[in-house]
Amino acid sequence: MVVDIQGLTMNRTIEELVSKVRPNDPYIRSVRVGQNRPESCDDNDPLASVLESLAQNSPDAPVPTVQGQTLPPVARTPPPVTTPPRSPSPAATPGTPNRPLLIALDPGHGGEDPGAIGPGGTREKDVVLNIARRLKRLIDAQPNMRTYLTRDSDFFVPLQVRVQKARRVKADLFISIHADAWIKPSARGSSIYALSQNGATSSAARWLAKKENDADLIGGLNLGSHNRQVAQILLDLSTAAQINDSVKVGSRLLGEIGKINRLHKRNVERAGFAVLKAPDIPSILIETAFISNPEEERLLRSSSHQDKIAKPF
């Protein structure tokens, strides 16, 4: 079903309609919104256009009637030229006056998937949601910038749906927020990951990517059914531009995060995270700290430290 509304201008509320449709909705598979042109509907009466066309093609045809009454004669002039509907135009250049820069914030895990759990019982899904909310407020307060949350409360979102949500709202940047964990409690520090074109850059990165990708299994989704699709995306993906932009953004953020927290890796790591595979959105995954480290777990639970983590963005 397509609904065109005349005289309507796109705004944040309309664009966020796509996030209201849950993956298990029994009636709606997806929603797409777009601005076709300043005025979506034509001023011409479509019925009059049809009658005029009939009169042009059949001069001797009987005059149409409605309930026995003769309709007014149709002028013998060429039918009006109308502009056919177009697909929504590509997103405008970020930063232009007509389109704010849109950043998709993706708090990891959620719902039945708690993510990593610290020695003190702190759940990753709770910490990253709090950080994302703080970050949203800070970014939305900036001129010509706004944010979109892939989840705004404690519910599960499949990894591929997170990417789909960001693409539906035509995000300019995708940031997935997590809290790291390792088998040794001594591990600590912040890390940033971009997509790897040829696999992970280290064994630790591969292990971490597998841990995050397996989160889909908890939500009841068999990731194996998507292997072909993911492989096709990777083959067709314009990986060079996406990865280059992601690394640039990640490098800048690493420099800022390093001012308030120790860095686990001083360079942007590369791994095959499922949430980084949007073909047209620069995407990074941030491991804010090691929730498995008792000291960093205590900091992650602190509201003041969560504010500090959000500010470098």
C-alpha atoms as a PDB file:
ATOM      1  CA  MET A   1       0.000   0.000   0.000  1.00  0.00           C
ATOM      2  CA  VAL A   2       1.312   3.431  -0.987  1.00  0.00           C
ATOM      3  CA  VAL A   3       0.018   6.612   0.631  1.00  0.00           C
ATOM      4  CA  ASP A   4       0.862   9.989  -0.925  1.00  0.00           C
ATOM      5  CA  ILE A   5       0.068  13.050   1.181  1.00  0.00           C
ATOM      6  CA  GLN A   6       0.063  16.449  -0.456  1.00  0.00           C
ATOM      7  CA  GLY A   7       1.866  19.365   1.199  1.00  0.00           C
ATOM      8  CA  LEU A   8       3.683  17.180   3.722  1.00  0.00           C
ATOM      9  CA  THR A   9       7.322  17.762   4.666  1.00  0.00           C
ATOM     10  CA  MET A  10       9.483  14.967   6.044  1.00  0.00           C
ATOM     11  CA  ASN A  11      10.408  15.293   9.700  1.00  0.00           C
ATOM     12  CA  ARG A  12      11.900  13.193  12.455  1.00  0.00           C
ATOM     13  CA  THR A  13       8.596  11.746  13.639  1.00  0.00           C
ATOM     14  CA  ILE A  14       7.713  10.469  10.174  1.00  0.00           C
ATOM     15  CA  GLU A  15      11.160   8.998   9.551  1.00  0.00           C
ATOM     16  CA  GLU A  16      11.049   7.116  12.856  1.00  0.00           C
ATOM     17  CA  LEU A  17       7.836   5.327  11.841  1.00  0.00           C
ATOM     18  CA  VAL A  18       9.967   2.519  10.425  1.00  0.00           C
ATOM     19  CA  SER A  19      11.238   1.671  13.894  1.00  0.00           C
ATOM     20  CA  LYS A  20       7.692   1.066  15.153  1.00  0.00           C
ATOM     21  CA  VAL A  21       7.332  -2.136  13.139  1.00  0.00           C
ATOM     22  CA  ARG A  22       8.578  -5.126  15.101  1.00  0.00           C
ATOM     23  CA  PRO A  23      10.131  -8.130  13.278  1.00  0.00           C
ATOM     24  CA  ASN A  24       7.261 -10.354  14.475  1.00  0.00           C
ATOM     25  CA  ASP A  25       4.460  -8.000  13.423  1.00  0.00           C
ATOM     26  CA  PRO A  26       1.654 -10.227  12.026  1.00  0.00           C
ATOM     27  CA  TYR A  27       0.342  -7.634   9.559  1.00  0.00           C
ATOM     28  CA  ILE A  28       3.177  -5.341   8.470  1.00  0.00           C
ATOM     29  CA  ARG A  29       6.465  -6.597   7.051  1.00  0.00           C
ATOM     30  CA  SER A  30       8.110  -3.196   6.615  1.00  0.00           C
ATOM     31  CA  VAL A  31       7.442   0.504   6.279  1.00  0.00           C
ATOM     32  CA  ARG A  32       9.284   2.931   4.020  1.00  0.00           C
ATOM     33  CA  VAL A  33       8.919   6.691   4.004  1.00  0.00           C
ATOM     34  CA  GLY A  34      10.310   9.189   1.516  1.00  0.00           C
ATOM     35  CA  GLN A  35       9.845  12.632   0.038  1.00  0.00           C
ATOM     36  CA  ASN A  36       9.129  12.188  -3.671  1.00  0.00           C
ATOM     37  CA  ARG A  37       8.806  15.889  -4.466  1.00  0.00           C
ATOM     38  CA  PRO A  38       7.627  19.079  -2.713  1.00  0.00           C
ATOM     39  CA  GLU A  39       4.009  18.306  -3.641  1.00  0.00           C
ATOM     40  CA  SER A  40       3.363  14.553  -3.887  1.00  0.00           C
ATOM     41  CA  CYS A  41      -0.146  14.787  -5.511  1.00  0.00           C
ATOM     42  CA  ASP A  42      -1.158  16.376  -8.812  1.00  0.00           C
ATOM     43  CA  ASP A  43      -3.655  19.232  -8.834  1.00  0.00           C
ATOM     44  CA  ASN A  44      -5.426  17.801 -11.899  1.00  0.00           C
ATOM     45  CA  ASP A  45      -8.640  15.850 -11.429  1.00  0.00           C
ATOM     46  CA  PRO A  46      -7.762  12.261 -12.453  1.00  0.00           C
ATOM     47  CA  LEU A  47     -11.375  11.496 -13.466  1.00  0.00           C
ATOM     48  CA  ALA A  48     -11.464  14.537 -15.737  1.00  0.00           C
ATOM     49  CA  SER A  49      -8.181  13.422 -17.300  1.00  0.00           C
ATOM     50  CA  VAL A  50      -9.604   9.967 -18.065  1.00  0.00           C
ATOM     51  CA  LEU A  51     -12.805  11.395 -19.608  1.00  0.00           C
ATOM     52  CA  GLU A  52     -10.786  13.837 -21.656  1.00  0.00           C
ATOM     53  CA  SER A  53      -8.569  11.041 -22.937  1.00  0.00           C
ATOM     54  CA  LEU A  54     -11.619   8.980 -23.915  1.00  0.00           C
ATOM     55  CA  ALA A  55     -13.123  11.949 -25.734  1.00  0.00           C
ATOM     56  CA  GLN A  56      -9.878  12.540 -27.635  1.00  0.00           C
ATOM     57  CA  ASN A  57      -9.597   8.927 -28.752  1.00  0.00           C
ATOM     58  CA  SER A  58     -13.313   8.384 -29.565  1.00  0.00           C
ATOM     59  CA  PRO A  59     -14.983  11.574 -30.840  1.00  0.00           C
ATOM     60  CA  ASP A  60     -18.234   9.748 -31.597  1.00  0.00           C
ATOM     61  CA  ALA A  61     -18.436   7.916 -28.291  1.00  0.00           C
ATOM     62  CA  PRO A  62     -21.567   8.516 -26.210  1.00  0.00           C
ATOM     63  CA  VAL A  63     -21.314  11.164 -23.531  1.00  0.00           C
ATOM     64  CA  PRO A  64     -20.702   9.538 -20.134  1.00  0.00           C
ATOM     65  CA  THR A  65     -23.527   9.735 -17.614  1.00  0.00           C
ATOM     66  CA  VAL A  66     -23.812   9.205 -13.888  1.00  0.00           C
ATOM     67  CA  GLN A  67     -27.199   7.982 -12.561  1.00  0.00           C
ATOM     68  CA  GLY A  68     -28.856   9.101 -15.828  1.00  0.00           C
ATOM     69  CA  GLN A  69     -27.470  12.634 -15.708  1.00  0.00           C
ATOM     70  CA  THR A  70     -25.201  13.865 -18.472  1.00  0.00           C
ATOM     71  CA  LEU A  71     -21.782  14.956 -17.279  1.00  0.00           C
ATOM     72  CA  PRO A  72     -20.501  18.392 -18.338  1.00  0.00           C
ATOM     73  CA  PRO A  73     -18.790  18.365 -21.723  1.00  0.00           C
ATOM     74  CA  VAL A  74     -15.089  17.737 -21.727  1.00  0.00           C
ATOM     75  CA  ALA A  75     -12.865  20.351 -23.326  1.00  0.00           C
ATOM     76  CA  ARG A  76     -11.057  19.062 -26.423  1.00  0.00           C
ATOM     77  CA  THR A  77      -7.606  20.069 -25.279  1.00  0.00           C
ATOM     78  CA  PRO A  78      -4.510  17.899 -24.960  1.00  0.00           C
ATOM     79  CA  PRO A  79      -4.382  15.990 -21.675  1.00  0.00           C
ATOM     80  CA  PRO A  80      -2.213  17.603 -19.014  1.00  0.00           C
ATOM     81  CA  VAL A  81       1.323  16.365 -18.677  1.00  0.00           C
ATOM     82  CA  THR A  82       1.880  14.891 -15.236  1.00  0.00           C
ATOM     83  CA  THR A  83       5.113  13.903 -13.588  1.00  0.00           C
ATOM     84  CA  PRO A  84       5.219  10.179 -12.771  1.00  0.00           C
ATOM     85  CA  PRO A  85       6.065   9.267  -9.194  1.00  0.00           C
ATOM     86  CA  ARG A  86       9.747   8.835  -8.562  1.00  0.00           C
ATOM     87  CA  SER A  87      11.584   6.713  -6.063  1.00  0.00           C
ATOM     88  CA  PRO A  88      12.829   8.720  -3.100  1.00  0.00           C
ATOM     89  CA  SER A  89      15.969  10.530  -4.086  1.00  0.00           C
ATOM     90  CA  PRO A  90      19.255   9.508  -2.466  1.00  0.00           C
ATOM     91  CA  ALA A  91      20.050  11.091   0.837  1.00  0.00           C
ATOM     92  CA  ALA A  92      21.287  14.624   0.528  1.00  0.00           C
ATOM     93  CA  THR A  93      24.871  15.402   1.334  1.00  0.00           C
ATOM     94  CA  PRO A  94      25.281  15.284   5.136  1.00  0.00           C
ATOM     95  CA  GLY A  95      25.366  18.691   6.714  1.00  0.00           C
ATOM     96  CA  THR A  96      23.217  20.421   4.082  1.00  0.00           C
ATOM     97  CA  PRO A  97      20.553  22.776   5.491  1.00  0.00           C
ATOM     98  CA  ASN A  98      17.719  20.497   4.325  1.00  0.00           C
ATOM     99  CA  ARG A  99      19.018  17.324   5.919  1.00  0.00           C
ATOM    100  CA  PRO A 100      20.642  16.967   9.343  1.00  0.00           C
ATOM    101  CA  LEU A 101      23.426  14.469   9.851  1.00  0.00           C
ATOM    102  CA  LEU A 102      21.734  11.280  11.078  1.00  0.00           C
ATOM    103  CA  ILE A 103      23.651   8.900  13.350  1.00  0.00           C
ATOM    104  CA  ALA A 104      22.227   5.463  14.124  1.00  0.00           C
ATOM    105  CA  LEU A 105      23.135   4.378  17.661  1.00  0.00           C
ATOM    106  CA  ASP A 106      22.979   0.653  18.263  1.00  0.00           C
ATOM    107  CA  PRO A 107      23.014  -0.463  21.937  1.00  0.00           C
ATOM    108  CA  GLY A 108      24.154  -4.080  21.786  1.00  0.00           C
ATOM    109  CA  HIS A 109      22.172  -7.114  22.964  1.00  0.00           C
ATOM    110  CA  GLY A 110      18.878  -6.609  24.871  1.00  0.00           C
ATOM    111  CA  GLY A 111      15.861  -8.634  25.952  1.00  0.00           C
ATOM    112  CA  GLU A 112      16.662 -12.298  26.457  1.00  0.00           C
ATOM    113  CA  ASP A 113      20.268 -11.613  25.425  1.00  0.00           C
ATOM    114  CA  PRO A 114      22.038  -9.892  28.364  1.00  0.00           C
ATOM    115  CA  GLY A 115      25.417  -9.739  26.639  1.00  0.00           C
ATOM    116  CA  ALA A 116      28.498 -10.062  28.829  1.00  0.00           C
ATOM    117  CA  ILE A 117      27.993 -10.103  32.606  1.00  0.00           C
ATOM    118  CA  GLY A 118      30.609  -8.649  34.946  1.00  0.00           C
ATOM    119  CA  PRO A 119      31.845 -10.292  38.156  1.00  0.00           C
ATOM    120  CA  GLY A 120      29.529  -7.971  40.109  1.00  0.00           C
ATOM    121  CA  GLY A 121      26.492  -8.944  38.041  1.00  0.00           C
ATOM    122  CA  THR A 122      26.455  -5.889  35.764  1.00  0.00           C
ATOM    123  CA  ARG A 123      24.783  -6.721  32.447  1.00  0.00           C
ATOM    124  CA  GLU A 124      26.209  -5.383  29.207  1.00  0.00           C
ATOM    125  CA  LYS A 125      22.756  -4.751  27.713  1.00  0.00           C
ATOM    126  CA  ASP A 126      21.867  -2.319  30.528  1.00  0.00           C
ATOM    127  CA  VAL A 127      25.130  -0.378  30.485  1.00  0.00           C
ATOM    128  CA  VAL A 128      25.247   0.171  26.729  1.00  0.00           C
ATOM    129  CA  LEU A 129      21.603   1.284  26.607  1.00  0.00           C
ATOM    130  CA  ASN A 130      22.290   3.901  29.279  1.00  0.00           C
ATOM    131  CA  ILE A 131      25.343   5.142  27.373  1.00  0.00           C
ATOM    132  CA  ALA A 132      23.388   5.268  24.101  1.00  0.00           C
ATOM    133  CA  ARG A 133      20.614   7.328  25.713  1.00  0.00           C
ATOM    134  CA  ARG A 134      23.157   9.801  27.099  1.00  0.00           C
ATOM    135  CA  LEU A 135      24.882   9.990  23.739  1.00  0.00           C
ATOM    136  CA  LYS A 136      21.559  10.569  21.994  1.00  0.00           C
ATOM    137  CA  ARG A 137      20.787  13.570  24.187  1.00  0.00           C
ATOM    138  CA  LEU A 138      24.208  15.099  23.535  1.00  0.00           C
ATOM    139  CA  ILE A 139      24.066  14.652  19.759  1.00  0.00           C
ATOM    140  CA  ASP A 140      20.450  15.793  19.419  1.00  0.00           C
ATOM    141  CA  ALA A 141      21.425  19.018  21.193  1.00  0.00           C
ATOM    142  CA  GLN A 142      23.904  19.828  18.406  1.00  0.00           C
ATOM    143  CA  PRO A 143      22.728  21.934  15.460  1.00  0.00           C
ATOM    144  CA  ASN A 144      22.045  20.016  12.248  1.00  0.00           C
ATOM    145  CA  MET A 145      22.554  16.636  13.938  1.00  0.00           C
ATOM    146  CA  ARG A 146      20.185  13.998  15.214  1.00  0.00           C
ATOM    147  CA  THR A 147      20.196  10.355  16.245  1.00  0.00           C
ATOM    148  CA  TYR A 148      18.186   7.174  15.837  1.00  0.00           C
ATOM    149  CA  LEU A 149      18.253   4.267  18.319  1.00  0.00           C
ATOM    150  CA  THR A 150      17.956   0.729  16.995  1.00  0.00           C
ATOM    151  CA  ARG A 151      16.449  -0.119  20.396  1.00  0.00           C
ATOM    152  CA  ASP A 152      15.283   2.358  23.020  1.00  0.00           C
ATOM    153  CA  SER A 153      14.403  -0.108  25.770  1.00  0.00           C
ATOM    154  CA  ASP A 154      15.152  -3.655  26.907  1.00  0.00           C
ATOM    155  CA  PHE A 155      14.107  -5.823  23.947  1.00  0.00           C
ATOM    156  CA  PHE A 156      15.951  -8.118  21.565  1.00  0.00           C
ATOM    157  CA  VAL A 157      16.788  -6.967  18.041  1.00  0.00           C
ATOM    158  CA  PRO A 158      18.384  -9.448  15.578  1.00  0.00           C
ATOM    159  CA  LEU A 159      21.713  -8.287  14.218  1.00  0.00           C
ATOM    160  CA  GLN A 160      20.576  -7.982  10.626  1.00  0.00           C
ATOM    161  CA  VAL A 161      17.466  -6.051  11.685  1.00  0.00           C
ATOM    162  CA  ARG A 162      19.731  -3.505  13.386  1.00  0.00           C
ATOM    163  CA  VAL A 163      21.451  -2.890  10.070  1.00  0.00           C
ATOM    164  CA  GLN A 164      18.125  -2.798   8.214  1.00  0.00           C
ATOM    165  CA  LYS A 165      16.773  -0.182  10.608  1.00  0.00           C
ATOM    166  CA  ALA A 166      19.786   2.067  10.038  1.00  0.00           C
ATOM    167  CA  ARG A 167      19.442   1.744   6.263  1.00  0.00           C
ATOM    168  CA  ARG A 168      15.692   2.437   6.318  1.00  0.00           C
ATOM    169  CA  VAL A 169      16.217   5.786   8.014  1.00  0.00           C
ATOM    170  CA  LYS A 170      19.164   6.488   5.668  1.00  0.00           C
ATOM    171  CA  ALA A 171      21.670   6.928   8.484  1.00  0.00           C
ATOM    172  CA  ASP A 172      24.967   8.640   7.649  1.00  0.00           C
ATOM    173  CA  LEU A 173      26.895   6.780  10.364  1.00  0.00           C
ATOM    174  CA  PHE A 174      26.256   3.594  12.362  1.00  0.00           C
ATOM    175  CA  ILE A 175      27.751   3.205  15.857  1.00  0.00           C
ATOM    176  CA  SER A 176      27.265  -0.066  17.723  1.00  0.00           C
ATOM    177  CA  ILE A 177      27.960   0.242  21.460  1.00  0.00           C
ATOM    178  CA  HIS A 178      29.206  -2.675  23.558  1.00  0.00           C
ATOM    179  CA  ALA A 179      31.156  -3.562  26.696  1.00  0.00           C
ATOM    180  CA  ASP A 180      33.972  -6.031  26.180  1.00  0.00           C
ATOM    181  CA  ALA A 181      34.692  -9.241  28.121  1.00  0.00           C
ATOM    182  CA  TRP A 182      37.573 -11.672  28.275  1.00  0.00           C
ATOM    183  CA  ILE A 183      38.440 -14.885  30.077  1.00  0.00           C
ATOM    184  CA  LYS A 184      41.076 -13.078  32.162  1.00  0.00           C
ATOM    185  CA  PRO A 185      39.821 -10.312  34.488  1.00  0.00           C
ATOM    186  CA  SER A 186      43.057  -8.370  33.962  1.00  0.00           C
ATOM    187  CA  ALA A 187      42.075  -7.381  30.403  1.00  0.00           C
ATOM    188  CA  ARG A 188      41.026  -3.732  30.230  1.00  0.00           C
ATOM    189  CA  GLY A 189      40.656  -0.725  27.976  1.00  0.00           C
ATOM    190  CA  SER A 190      38.529   0.576  25.105  1.00  0.00           C
ATOM    191  CA  SER A 191      38.589  -0.629  21.491  1.00  0.00           C
ATOM    192  CA  ILE A 192      37.004   0.367  18.193  1.00  0.00           C
ATOM    193  CA  TYR A 193      36.344  -2.011  15.304  1.00  0.00           C
ATOM    194  CA  ALA A 194      35.637  -1.507  11.616  1.00  0.00           C
ATOM    195  CA  LEU A 195      34.640  -4.156   9.094  1.00  0.00           C
ATOM    196  CA  SER A 196      37.392  -6.397   7.820  1.00  0.00           C
ATOM    197  CA  GLN A 197      37.290  -7.127   4.107  1.00  0.00           C
ATOM    198  CA  ASN A 198      39.394 -10.263   4.387  1.00  0.00           C
ATOM    199  CA  GLY A 199      38.587 -11.474   7.894  1.00  0.00           C
ATOM    200  CA  ALA A 200      39.630 -10.415  11.361  1.00  0.00           C
ATOM    201  CA  THR A 201      43.021  -8.856  11.991  1.00  0.00           C
ATOM    202  CA  SER A 202      43.760 -10.847  15.135  1.00  0.00           C
ATOM    203  CA  SER A 203      42.644 -14.014  16.897  1.00  0.00           C
ATOM    204  CA  ALA A 204      41.064 -11.922  19.664  1.00  0.00           C
ATOM    205  CA  ALA A 205      39.082  -9.935  17.100  1.00  0.00           C
ATOM    206  CA  ARG A 206      37.865 -13.154  15.466  1.00  0.00           C
ATOM    207  CA  TRP A 207      36.792 -14.549  18.828  1.00  0.00           C
ATOM    208  CA  LEU A 208      34.968 -11.369  19.729  1.00  0.00           C
ATOM    209  CA  ALA A 209      33.197 -11.137  16.392  1.00  0.00           C
ATOM    210  CA  LYS A 210      31.997 -14.739  16.759  1.00  0.00           C
ATOM    211  CA  LYS A 211      30.740 -14.022  20.283  1.00  0.00           C
ATOM    212  CA  GLU A 212      28.700 -11.015  19.145  1.00  0.00           C
ATOM    213  CA  ASN A 213      27.427 -12.708  15.967  1.00  0.00           C
ATOM    214  CA  ASP A 214      26.223 -15.712  17.971  1.00  0.00           C
ATOM    215  CA  ALA A 215      23.857 -13.409  19.859  1.00  0.00           C
ATOM    216  CA  ASP A 216      21.314 -14.049  17.094  1.00  0.00           C
ATOM    217  CA  LEU A 217      21.087 -17.682  18.164  1.00  0.00           C
ATOM    218  CA  ILE A 218      19.798 -16.576  21.557  1.00  0.00           C
ATOM    219  CA  GLY A 219      16.961 -14.683  19.898  1.00  0.00           C
ATOM    220  CA  GLY A 220      15.833 -17.798  18.048  1.00  0.00           C
ATOM    221  CA  LEU A 221      17.254 -16.826  14.659  1.00  0.00           C
ATOM    222  CA  ASN A 222      19.395 -19.393  12.849  1.00  0.00           C
ATOM    223  CA  LEU A 223      22.306 -17.361  11.564  1.00  0.00           C
ATOM    224  CA  GLY A 224      23.225 -20.173   9.193  1.00  0.00           C
ATOM    225  CA  SER A 225      20.259 -19.328   6.983  1.00  0.00           C
ATOM    226  CA  HIS A 226      21.811 -15.938   6.304  1.00  0.00           C
ATOM    227  CA  ASN A 227      25.309 -17.083   5.342  1.00  0.00           C
ATOM    228  CA  ARG A 228      24.632 -16.858   1.610  1.00  0.00           C
ATOM    229  CA  GLN A 229      23.062 -13.436   1.937  1.00  0.00           C
ATOM    230  CA  VAL A 230      25.929 -12.132   4.050  1.00  0.00           C
ATOM    231  CA  ALA A 231      28.463 -13.585   1.638  1.00  0.00           C
ATOM    232  CA  GLN A 232      26.655 -11.958  -1.281  1.00  0.00           C
ATOM    233  CA  ILE A 233      26.605  -8.625   0.519  1.00  0.00           C
ATOM    234  CA  LEU A 234      30.327  -8.886   1.167  1.00  0.00           C
ATOM    235  CA  LEU A 235      30.966  -9.698  -2.489  1.00  0.00           C
ATOM    236  CA  ASP A 236      28.839  -6.835  -3.776  1.00  0.00           C
ATOM    237  CA  LEU A 237      29.715  -4.367  -1.046  1.00  0.00           C
ATOM    238  CA  SER A 238      31.643  -1.261  -1.871  1.00  0.00           C
ATOM    239  CA  THR A 239      33.919  -2.200   0.966  1.00  0.00           C
ATOM    240  CA  ALA A 240      36.786   0.108   0.149  1.00  0.00           C
ATOM    241  CA  ALA A 241      34.874   3.373   0.668  1.00  0.00           C
ATOM    242  CA  GLN A 242      32.827   2.097   3.599  1.00  0.00           C
ATOM    243  CA  ILE A 243      35.817   0.685   5.461  1.00  0.00           C
ATOM    244  CA  ASN A 244      38.027   3.699   4.778  1.00  0.00           C
ATOM    245  CA  ASP A 245      35.405   6.081   6.139  1.00  0.00           C
ATOM    246  CA  SER A 246      34.800   3.822   9.131  1.00  0.00           C
ATOM    247  CA  VAL A 247      38.492   3.683   9.994  1.00  0.00           C
ATOM    248  CA  LYS A 248      38.770   7.472   9.743  1.00  0.00           C
ATOM    249  CA  VAL A 249      35.847   7.995  12.107  1.00  0.00           C
ATOM    250  CA  GLY A 250      37.100   5.273  14.448  1.00  0.00           C
ATOM    251  CA  SER A 251      40.586   6.752  14.597  1.00  0.00           C
ATOM    252  CA  ARG A 252      39.245  10.163  15.547  1.00  0.00           C
ATOM    253  CA  LEU A 253      37.054   8.651  18.264  1.00  0.00           C
ATOM    254  CA  LEU A 254      39.904   6.563  19.634  1.00  0.00           C
ATOM    255  CA  GLY A 255      41.909   9.737  20.167  1.00  0.00           C
ATOM    256  CA  GLU A 256      39.034  11.281  22.132  1.00  0.00           C
ATOM    257  CA  ILE A 257      38.195   8.158  24.145  1.00  0.00           C
ATOM    258  CA  GLY A 258      41.868   7.789  25.058  1.00  0.00           C
ATOM    259  CA  LYS A 259      41.563  11.023  27.021  1.00  0.00           C
ATOM    260  CA  ILE A 260      39.096   9.521  29.488  1.00  0.00           C
ATOM    261  CA  ASN A 261      39.875   5.790  29.439  1.00  0.00           C
ATOM    262  CA  ARG A 262      42.787   3.485  28.778  1.00  0.00           C
ATOM    263  CA  LEU A 263      42.913   2.066  25.253  1.00  0.00           C
ATOM    264  CA  HIS A 264      43.095  -1.683  24.808  1.00  0.00           C
ATOM    265  CA  LYS A 265      44.241  -1.190  21.207  1.00  0.00           C
ATOM    266  CA  ARG A 266      45.661   2.113  19.950  1.00  0.00           C
ATOM    267  CA  ASN A 267      44.526   1.495  16.370  1.00  0.00           C
ATOM    268  CA  VAL A 268      41.163   0.633  14.876  1.00  0.00           C
ATOM    269  CA  GLU A 269      40.792  -3.149  14.817  1.00  0.00           C
ATOM    270  CA  ARG A 270      39.145  -5.001  11.928  1.00  0.00           C
ATOM    271  CA  ALA A 271      36.687  -7.887  12.287  1.00  0.00           C
ATOM    272  CA  GLY A 272      33.659  -9.393  10.572  1.00  0.00           C
ATOM    273  CA  PHE A 273      30.931  -8.126  12.895  1.00  0.00           C
ATOM    274  CA  ALA A 274      27.488  -8.669  11.377  1.00  0.00           C
ATOM    275  CA  VAL A 275      26.307  -5.194  12.413  1.00  0.00           C
ATOM    276  CA  LEU A 276      29.127  -3.557  10.428  1.00  0.00           C
ATOM    277  CA  LYS A 277      28.061  -4.992   7.066  1.00  0.00           C
ATOM    278  CA  ALA A 278      25.740  -2.248   5.830  1.00  0.00           C
ATOM    279  CA  PRO A 279      26.869  -1.701   2.236  1.00  0.00           C
ATOM    280  CA  ASP A 280      26.353   2.060   2.239  1.00  0.00           C
ATOM    281  CA  ILE A 281      26.852   3.317   5.805  1.00  0.00           C
ATOM    282  CA  PRO A 282      30.230   3.869   7.514  1.00  0.00           C
ATOM    283  CA  SER A 283      29.975   1.619  10.569  1.00  0.00           C
ATOM    284  CA  ILE A 284      32.014   1.156  13.714  1.00  0.00           C
ATOM    285  CA  LEU A 285      31.660  -0.981  16.835  1.00  0.00           C
ATOM    286  CA  ILE A 286      32.900   0.441  20.124  1.00  0.00           C
ATOM    287  CA  GLU A 287      33.886  -1.721  23.068  1.00  0.00           C
ATOM    288  CA  THR A 288      33.656   0.933  25.775  1.00  0.00           C
ATOM    289  CA  ALA A 289      35.571  -1.065  28.408  1.00  0.00           C
ATOM    290  CA  PHE A 290      36.011  -4.592  29.776  1.00  0.00           C
ATOM    291  CA  ILE A 291      32.995  -5.414  31.899  1.00  0.00           C
ATOM    292  CA  SER A 292      34.894  -8.559  32.983  1.00  0.00           C
ATOM    293  CA  ASN A 293      37.470  -6.315  34.696  1.00  0.00           C
ATOM    294  CA  PRO A 294      36.240  -5.497  38.243  1.00  0.00           C
ATOM    295  CA  GLU A 295      37.557  -1.931  38.155  1.00  0.00           C
ATOM    296  CA  GLU A 296      36.153  -1.142  34.731  1.00  0.00           C
ATOM    297  CA  GLU A 297      32.857  -2.816  35.651  1.00  0.00           C
ATOM    298  CA  ARG A 298      32.573  -0.425  38.597  1.00  0.00           C
ATOM    299  CA  LEU A 299      33.201   2.534  36.288  1.00  0.00           C
ATOM    300  CA  LEU A 300      30.690   1.311  33.708  1.00  0.00           C
ATOM    301  CA  ARG A 301      27.998   1.224  36.402  1.00  0.00           C
ATOM    302  CA  SER A 302      28.702   4.841  37.337  1.00  0.00           C
ATOM    303  CA  SER A 303      26.395   7.470  35.836  1.00  0.00           C
ATOM    304  CA  SER A 304      29.186  10.044  35.818  1.00  0.00           C
ATOM    305  CA  HIS A 305      31.513   7.693  33.941  1.00  0.00           C
ATOM    306  CA  GLN A 306      28.776   6.864  31.436  1.00  0.00           C
ATOM    307  CA  ASP A 307      28.500  10.604  30.791  1.00  0.00           C
ATOM    308  CA  LYS A 308      32.258  10.798  30.231  1.00  0.00           C
ATOM    309  CA  ILE A 309      32.129   7.936  27.735  1.00  0.00           C
ATOM    310  CA  ALA A 310      29.357   9.653  25.775  1.00  0.00           C
ATOM    311  CA  LYS A 311      31.011  13.076  25.568  1.00  0.00           C
ATOM    312  CA  PRO A 312      33.919  12.221  23.167  1.00  0.00           C
ATOM    313  CA  PHE A 313      31.390  11.484  20.415  1.00  0.00           C
END
